[in-house]
Amino acid sequence: MRTIVFCLEEPSAKEMLTGLLPRLLPDDTLSRFIVFEGKSDLEKRLPIYLRNWKTPNVRFVVIRDQDSADCHIVKTRLFELCRKAGRPETLVRVACHELETFYLGDLSAVQAGLRLSGLAKKQNSRKFRDPDHLANPAQELRRITHEKYQKMSGSRSIGPYLALEGNRSRSFQVLISGLKRLLENA
């Protein structure tokens, strides 16, 4: 039995992954979640968890929002923390700008998860063709769902509908391809 431990900045990421992972992980793979209290807590305590984890056949995945920071600097800093903790093989992924970018990249999933109509047809509009460039995806998601999207319940509702292929968010595509590669090599 393999285990993948997801180290997450926030609880809404766990809610999204709980709906998404059953369609991605093989039956012989167990997922566990460590949810931190924001990005500074993640960066402070992540090395401790990585260094002290003793279970065999485990792989780690770190997911953090970019927010307003430089994506490459964030990713490099997280990789360095993992390396220093003795886990250089850790998969590090950064959601450009926020987790909600993943949802804006698949408006069909948002429409299905939140039981809305007419939202999917907006996917080809200029704004949603490349949602990684939106400055405030959470605010945009609340706006287009007329405040129906709430961080925890929305992530729980949308996660099961996120398509593994075709999401317009490049950072989501990179997450999925990284997970697939990790599963092939685990």
Foldseek 3Di string as FASTA:
>chain_A
DAEEEEEEFAPLVVLLCVQAVVVQDDPVYHYHYDYAPHDVRCLVCVLVCLLPDDDPRYAYEYEEACAPHDQVVVQVSVCVSCVVSVRNVHHYAYQQHDPLLQCLLQQVLLCQLLVHPDRRVCCPPPCSLEVSPDNDSVVVSCVVVVNSDDRRSSSNRSNNVRDLPRRSYPSSVVVSVVVNVVNVVD
